[in-house]
């Protein structure tokens, strides 16, 4: 895989989720990938693709707000989204990228945002 800046890898991975482009996501997510969120405790790549990846259909929209390096191999990404229920949220993720692929993602759920 050609090397691209870690922030680009993280951005492209989230974009593949939004588009539900699993083939693109599989290229960006390492076989050793580990995913953690308030609902998932260090699940592996297979569990991530089974449980988490297919959930984009619950969204009305999602927009990336910020993607910044976090030192070393880390990247912070902040995004806002609205569920089909009308609830809006803002989350932050810390991802680790090595050799052009995500090896770990930790999701930090934010609270509800006011409706626009």
N, C-alpha and C. Protein backbone atom coordinates (compact mmCIF):
# COMPACT_ATOMS: atom_id res chain seq x y z
N UNK A 1 0.85 -1.17 0.00
CA UNK A 1 0.00 0.00 0.00
C UNK A 1 0.90 1.24 0.00
N UNK A 2 0.58 2.19 -0.84
CA UNK A 2 1.39 3.41 -0.89
C UNK A 2 1.17 4.20 0.40
N UNK A 3 2.22 4.88 0.81
CA UNK A 3 2.15 5.65 2.04
C UNK A 3 1.43 6.97 1.79
N UNK A 4 0.51 7.29 2.64
CA UNK A 4 -0.17 8.57 2.63
C UNK A 4 -0.18 9.07 4.06
N UNK A 5 -0.29 10.38 4.23
CA UNK A 5 -0.28 10.89 5.60
C UNK A 5 -1.35 10.19 6.45
N UNK A 6 -1.01 9.96 7.72
CA UNK A 6 -1.93 9.26 8.61
C UNK A 6 -3.29 9.93 8.69
N UNK A 7 -3.33 11.26 8.69
CA UNK A 7 -4.62 11.96 8.75
C UNK A 7 -5.48 11.63 7.53
N UNK A 8 -4.86 11.47 6.37
CA UNK A 8 -5.61 11.11 5.16
C UNK A 8 -6.20 9.70 5.28
N UNK A 9 -5.45 8.79 5.87
CA UNK A 9 -5.94 7.41 6.06
C UNK A 9 -7.18 7.42 6.94
N UNK A 10 -7.13 8.16 8.05
CA UNK A 10 -8.25 8.23 8.98
C UNK A 10 -9.46 8.87 8.30
N UNK A 11 -9.24 9.96 7.60
CA UNK A 11 -10.34 10.64 6.89
C UNK A 11 -10.97 9.69 5.87
N UNK A 12 -10.16 9.02 5.08
CA UNK A 12 -10.69 8.11 4.05
C UNK A 12 -11.45 6.94 4.67
N UNK A 13 -10.99 6.48 5.82
CA UNK A 13 -11.68 5.38 6.48
C UNK A 13 -13.08 5.82 6.94
N UNK A 14 -13.19 6.99 7.55
CA UNK A 14 -14.50 7.47 7.97
C UNK A 14 -15.39 7.73 6.76
N UNK A 15 -14.82 8.25 5.69
CA UNK A 15 -15.59 8.47 4.47
C UNK A 15 -16.09 7.16 3.89
N UNK A 16 -15.30 6.09 4.00
CA UNK A 16 -15.75 4.79 3.50
C UNK A 16 -16.91 4.26 4.35
N UNK A 17 -16.89 4.54 5.65
CA UNK A 17 -18.02 4.17 6.52
C UNK A 17 -19.28 4.91 6.09
N UNK A 18 -19.16 6.22 5.92
CA UNK A 18 -20.32 7.02 5.54
C UNK A 18 -20.91 6.52 4.21
N UNK A 19 -20.04 6.19 3.27
CA UNK A 19 -20.48 5.70 1.96
C UNK A 19 -20.84 4.22 1.97
N UNK A 20 -20.56 3.54 3.09
CA UNK A 20 -20.74 2.09 3.20
C UNK A 20 -19.98 1.34 2.11
N UNK A 21 -18.76 1.81 1.88
CA UNK A 21 -17.85 1.19 0.91
C UNK A 21 -16.92 0.26 1.68
N UNK A 22 -17.39 -0.94 1.91
CA UNK A 22 -16.62 -1.89 2.73
C UNK A 22 -15.30 -2.26 2.07
N UNK A 23 -15.28 -2.40 0.75
CA UNK A 23 -14.03 -2.76 0.07
C UNK A 23 -12.95 -1.71 0.34
N UNK A 24 -13.32 -0.43 0.28
CA UNK A 24 -12.35 0.63 0.57
C UNK A 24 -11.90 0.56 2.03
N UNK A 25 -12.85 0.34 2.94
CA UNK A 25 -12.51 0.26 4.36
C UNK A 25 -11.58 -0.91 4.65
N UNK A 26 -11.83 -2.05 4.03
CA UNK A 26 -10.99 -3.22 4.27
C UNK A 26 -9.54 -2.99 3.88
N UNK A 27 -9.32 -2.16 2.87
CA UNK A 27 -7.95 -1.83 2.46
C UNK A 27 -7.26 -0.92 3.48
N UNK A 28 -8.04 -0.14 4.20
CA UNK A 28 -7.51 0.85 5.14
C UNK A 28 -7.38 0.33 6.57
N UNK A 29 -8.03 -0.81 6.87
CA UNK A 29 -8.05 -1.33 8.24
C UNK A 29 -7.22 -2.60 8.31
N UNK A 30 -6.21 -2.57 9.16
CA UNK A 30 -5.28 -3.70 9.29
C UNK A 30 -5.97 -4.94 9.85
N UNK A 31 -5.43 -6.09 9.53
CA UNK A 31 -5.95 -7.36 10.05
C UNK A 31 -5.91 -7.38 11.58
N UNK A 32 -4.95 -6.70 12.18
CA UNK A 32 -4.78 -6.68 13.64
C UNK A 32 -5.59 -5.56 14.31
N UNK A 33 -6.47 -4.89 13.58
CA UNK A 33 -7.25 -3.75 14.07
C UNK A 33 -8.01 -4.07 15.36
N UNK A 34 -8.00 -3.08 16.28
CA UNK A 34 -8.74 -3.16 17.54
C UNK A 34 -9.57 -1.89 17.66
N UNK A 35 -10.86 -2.06 18.03
CA UNK A 35 -11.80 -0.94 18.11
C UNK A 35 -12.40 -0.88 19.51
N UNK A 36 -12.40 0.33 20.09
CA UNK A 36 -12.97 0.54 21.41
C UNK A 36 -13.88 1.75 21.38
N UNK A 37 -15.03 1.61 22.01
CA UNK A 37 -15.96 2.73 22.19
C UNK A 37 -16.67 2.50 23.52
N UNK A 38 -17.51 3.43 23.95
CA UNK A 38 -18.27 3.16 25.18
C UNK A 38 -19.16 1.91 25.08
N UNK A 39 -19.41 1.43 23.86
CA UNK A 39 -20.26 0.25 23.68
C UNK A 39 -19.46 -1.00 23.28
N UNK A 40 -18.18 -0.85 22.98
CA UNK A 40 -17.35 -1.95 22.48
C UNK A 40 -16.00 -1.91 23.19
N UNK A 41 -15.59 -3.03 23.77
CA UNK A 41 -14.34 -3.06 24.51
C UNK A 41 -13.30 -3.87 23.74
N UNK A 42 -12.48 -3.18 22.97
CA UNK A 42 -11.36 -3.79 22.25
C UNK A 42 -11.81 -4.95 21.36
N UNK A 43 -12.79 -4.68 20.52
CA UNK A 43 -13.24 -5.73 19.60
C UNK A 43 -12.28 -5.80 18.41
N UNK A 44 -12.23 -6.95 17.77
CA UNK A 44 -11.32 -7.14 16.65
C UNK A 44 -11.95 -6.67 15.33
N UNK A 45 -11.19 -6.78 14.28
CA UNK A 45 -11.60 -6.31 12.95
C UNK A 45 -12.90 -6.98 12.49
N UNK A 46 -13.00 -8.29 12.67
CA UNK A 46 -14.19 -9.02 12.22
C UNK A 46 -15.44 -8.52 12.97
N UNK A 47 -15.34 -8.35 14.28
CA UNK A 47 -16.47 -7.84 15.06
C UNK A 47 -16.81 -6.41 14.67
N UNK A 48 -15.80 -5.59 14.39
CA UNK A 48 -16.05 -4.22 13.94
C UNK A 48 -16.87 -4.22 12.65
N UNK A 49 -16.45 -5.02 11.68
CA UNK A 49 -17.19 -5.05 10.41
C UNK A 49 -18.59 -5.65 10.57
N UNK A 50 -18.76 -6.54 11.52
CA UNK A 50 -20.08 -7.15 11.75
C UNK A 50 -21.02 -6.21 12.50
N UNK A 51 -20.52 -5.57 13.58
CA UNK A 51 -21.36 -4.78 14.48
C UNK A 51 -21.43 -3.30 14.16
N UNK A 52 -20.29 -2.71 13.85
CA UNK A 52 -20.20 -1.26 13.78
C UNK A 52 -20.31 -0.70 12.36
N UNK A 53 -19.64 -1.31 11.43
CA UNK A 53 -19.58 -0.76 10.07
C UNK A 53 -20.96 -0.61 9.44
N UNK A 54 -21.89 -1.56 9.61
CA UNK A 54 -23.18 -1.45 8.92
C UNK A 54 -24.15 -0.42 9.52
N UNK A 55 -23.76 0.36 10.51
CA UNK A 55 -24.70 1.24 11.21
C UNK A 55 -24.91 2.60 10.55
N UNK A 56 -24.28 2.87 9.44
CA UNK A 56 -24.42 4.19 8.80
C UNK A 56 -25.85 4.46 8.34
N UNK A 57 -26.67 3.43 8.16
CA UNK A 57 -28.03 3.65 7.69
C UNK A 57 -28.90 4.36 8.73
N UNK A 58 -28.42 4.48 9.96
CA UNK A 58 -29.18 5.19 10.99
C UNK A 58 -28.94 6.71 10.93
N UNK A 59 -28.01 7.12 10.06
CA UNK A 59 -27.65 8.53 9.97
C UNK A 59 -28.43 9.26 8.88
N UNK A 60 -28.79 10.49 9.18
CA UNK A 60 -29.34 11.39 8.16
C UNK A 60 -28.17 12.05 7.43
N UNK A 61 -27.16 12.46 8.21
CA UNK A 61 -25.92 13.02 7.64
C UNK A 61 -24.81 12.93 8.67
N UNK A 62 -23.59 13.01 8.17
CA UNK A 62 -22.40 13.03 9.03
C UNK A 62 -21.37 13.90 8.33
N UNK A 63 -20.71 14.74 9.12
CA UNK A 63 -19.71 15.65 8.55
C UNK A 63 -18.46 15.66 9.41
N UNK A 64 -17.32 15.51 8.77
CA UNK A 64 -16.03 15.60 9.46
C UNK A 64 -15.76 17.07 9.74
N UNK A 65 -15.46 17.38 11.00
CA UNK A 65 -15.17 18.76 11.40
C UNK A 65 -13.67 19.04 11.47
N UNK A 66 -12.90 18.09 12.02
CA UNK A 66 -11.47 18.31 12.22
C UNK A 66 -10.73 16.99 12.15
N UNK A 67 -9.58 17.00 11.51
CA UNK A 67 -8.66 15.86 11.51
C UNK A 67 -7.27 16.43 11.77
N UNK A 68 -6.64 16.00 12.89
CA UNK A 68 -5.33 16.54 13.25
C UNK A 68 -4.41 15.44 13.76
N UNK A 69 -3.11 15.56 13.45
CA UNK A 69 -2.15 14.61 14.02
C UNK A 69 -2.15 14.71 15.54
N UNK A 70 -1.92 13.58 16.21
CA UNK A 70 -1.93 13.54 17.67
C UNK A 70 -0.60 13.06 18.22
N UNK A 71 0.46 13.23 17.45
CA UNK A 71 1.77 12.78 17.90
C UNK A 71 2.00 11.33 17.55
N UNK A 72 3.21 11.02 17.15
CA UNK A 72 3.53 9.65 16.76
C UNK A 72 2.64 9.20 15.61
N UNK A 73 2.01 8.05 15.76
CA UNK A 73 1.14 7.49 14.73
C UNK A 73 -0.32 7.85 14.93
N UNK A 74 -0.62 8.67 15.94
CA UNK A 74 -2.01 8.98 16.29
C UNK A 74 -2.61 10.11 15.48
N UNK A 75 -3.94 10.02 15.31
CA UNK A 75 -4.71 11.06 14.62
C UNK A 75 -6.04 11.23 15.36
N UNK A 76 -6.38 12.48 15.67
CA UNK A 76 -7.70 12.79 16.22
C UNK A 76 -8.60 13.21 15.08
N UNK A 77 -9.85 12.71 15.10
CA UNK A 77 -10.86 13.15 14.15
C UNK A 77 -12.11 13.49 14.94
N UNK A 78 -12.71 14.63 14.64
CA UNK A 78 -13.96 15.03 15.26
C UNK A 78 -15.00 15.13 14.16
N UNK A 79 -16.18 14.57 14.43
CA UNK A 79 -17.24 14.62 13.43
C UNK A 79 -18.58 14.86 14.12
N UNK A 80 -19.48 15.44 13.37
CA UNK A 80 -20.83 15.70 13.84
C UNK A 80 -21.78 14.91 12.96
N UNK A 81 -22.87 14.45 13.55
CA UNK A 81 -23.84 13.70 12.75
C UNK A 81 -25.24 13.90 13.31
N UNK A 82 -26.20 13.62 12.44
CA UNK A 82 -27.60 13.65 12.85
C UNK A 82 -28.22 12.30 12.54
N UNK A 83 -28.88 11.73 13.54
CA UNK A 83 -29.58 10.47 13.35
C UNK A 83 -30.91 10.73 12.64
N UNK A 84 -31.48 9.70 12.08
CA UNK A 84 -32.78 9.83 11.43
C UNK A 84 -33.86 10.23 12.42
N UNK A 85 -33.61 10.05 13.72
CA UNK A 85 -34.54 10.47 14.77
C UNK A 85 -34.52 11.98 14.98
N UNK A 86 -33.51 12.66 14.41
CA UNK A 86 -33.36 14.09 14.59
C UNK A 86 -32.33 14.46 15.65
N UNK A 87 -31.86 13.49 16.43
CA UNK A 87 -30.83 13.77 17.44
C UNK A 87 -29.51 14.04 16.75
N UNK A 88 -28.79 15.07 17.26
CA UNK A 88 -27.47 15.42 16.73
C UNK A 88 -26.43 15.16 17.81
N UNK A 89 -25.25 14.70 17.36
CA UNK A 89 -24.15 14.39 18.27
C UNK A 89 -22.82 14.81 17.64
N UNK A 90 -21.80 14.91 18.50
CA UNK A 90 -20.44 15.19 18.05
C UNK A 90 -19.53 14.22 18.79
N UNK A 91 -18.74 13.44 18.04
CA UNK A 91 -17.82 12.46 18.63
C UNK A 91 -16.39 12.79 18.24
N UNK A 92 -15.47 12.24 19.02
CA UNK A 92 -14.04 12.34 18.73
C UNK A 92 -13.48 10.93 18.74
N UNK A 93 -12.57 10.65 17.82
CA UNK A 93 -11.89 9.37 17.77
C UNK A 93 -10.39 9.62 17.76
N UNK A 94 -9.67 8.72 18.42
CA UNK A 94 -8.22 8.70 18.35
C UNK A 94 -7.85 7.41 17.63
N UNK A 95 -7.26 7.54 16.47
CA UNK A 95 -6.86 6.37 15.69
C UNK A 95 -5.35 6.31 15.59
N UNK A 96 -4.85 5.09 15.53
CA UNK A 96 -3.42 4.85 15.33
C UNK A 96 -3.26 4.23 13.95
N UNK A 97 -2.35 4.82 13.16
CA UNK A 97 -2.10 4.37 11.79
C UNK A 97 -0.65 3.91 11.70
N UNK A 98 -0.47 2.72 11.14
CA UNK A 98 0.88 2.21 10.88
C UNK A 98 0.91 1.61 9.48
N UNK A 99 1.94 1.95 8.74
CA UNK A 99 2.12 1.43 7.39
C UNK A 99 0.89 1.64 6.52
N UNK A 100 0.23 2.80 6.69
CA UNK A 100 -0.90 3.17 5.83
C UNK A 100 -2.23 2.52 6.19
N UNK A 101 -2.31 1.88 7.37
CA UNK A 101 -3.56 1.25 7.77
C UNK A 101 -3.88 1.55 9.24
N UNK A 102 -5.17 1.62 9.56
CA UNK A 102 -5.59 1.78 10.95
C UNK A 102 -5.32 0.49 11.70
N UNK A 103 -4.68 0.62 12.87
CA UNK A 103 -4.44 -0.54 13.72
C UNK A 103 -5.26 -0.45 15.01
N UNK A 104 -5.71 0.76 15.35
CA UNK A 104 -6.54 0.92 16.54
C UNK A 104 -7.36 2.19 16.42
N UNK A 105 -8.60 2.12 16.91
CA UNK A 105 -9.45 3.30 17.03
C UNK A 105 -10.14 3.27 18.37
N UNK A 106 -10.11 4.42 19.05
CA UNK A 106 -10.82 4.61 20.31
C UNK A 106 -11.82 5.73 20.09
N UNK A 107 -13.09 5.45 20.34
CA UNK A 107 -14.15 6.44 20.12
C UNK A 107 -14.58 7.02 21.45
N UNK A 108 -14.73 8.34 21.48
CA UNK A 108 -15.20 9.06 22.66
C UNK A 108 -16.49 9.74 22.28
N UNK A 109 -17.62 9.24 22.79
CA UNK A 109 -18.93 9.80 22.46
C UNK A 109 -19.11 11.14 23.12
N UNK A 110 -19.61 12.09 22.37
CA UNK A 110 -19.96 13.39 22.91
C UNK A 110 -21.45 13.40 23.27
N UNK A 111 -21.87 14.45 23.86
CA UNK A 111 -23.30 14.57 24.21
C UNK A 111 -24.12 15.01 23.03
N UNK A 112 -25.40 15.11 23.25
CA UNK A 112 -26.32 15.59 22.22
C UNK A 112 -26.08 17.06 21.97
N UNK A 113 -26.23 17.44 20.71
CA UNK A 113 -26.16 18.85 20.33
C UNK A 113 -27.57 19.37 20.13
N UNK A 114 -27.75 20.68 20.27
CA UNK A 114 -29.09 21.23 20.04
C UNK A 114 -29.48 21.05 18.57
N UNK A 115 -30.78 20.87 18.34
CA UNK A 115 -31.28 20.74 16.96
C UNK A 115 -31.12 22.08 16.26
N UNK A 116 -30.81 22.00 14.97
CA UNK A 116 -30.61 23.25 14.23
C UNK A 116 -31.92 23.76 13.67
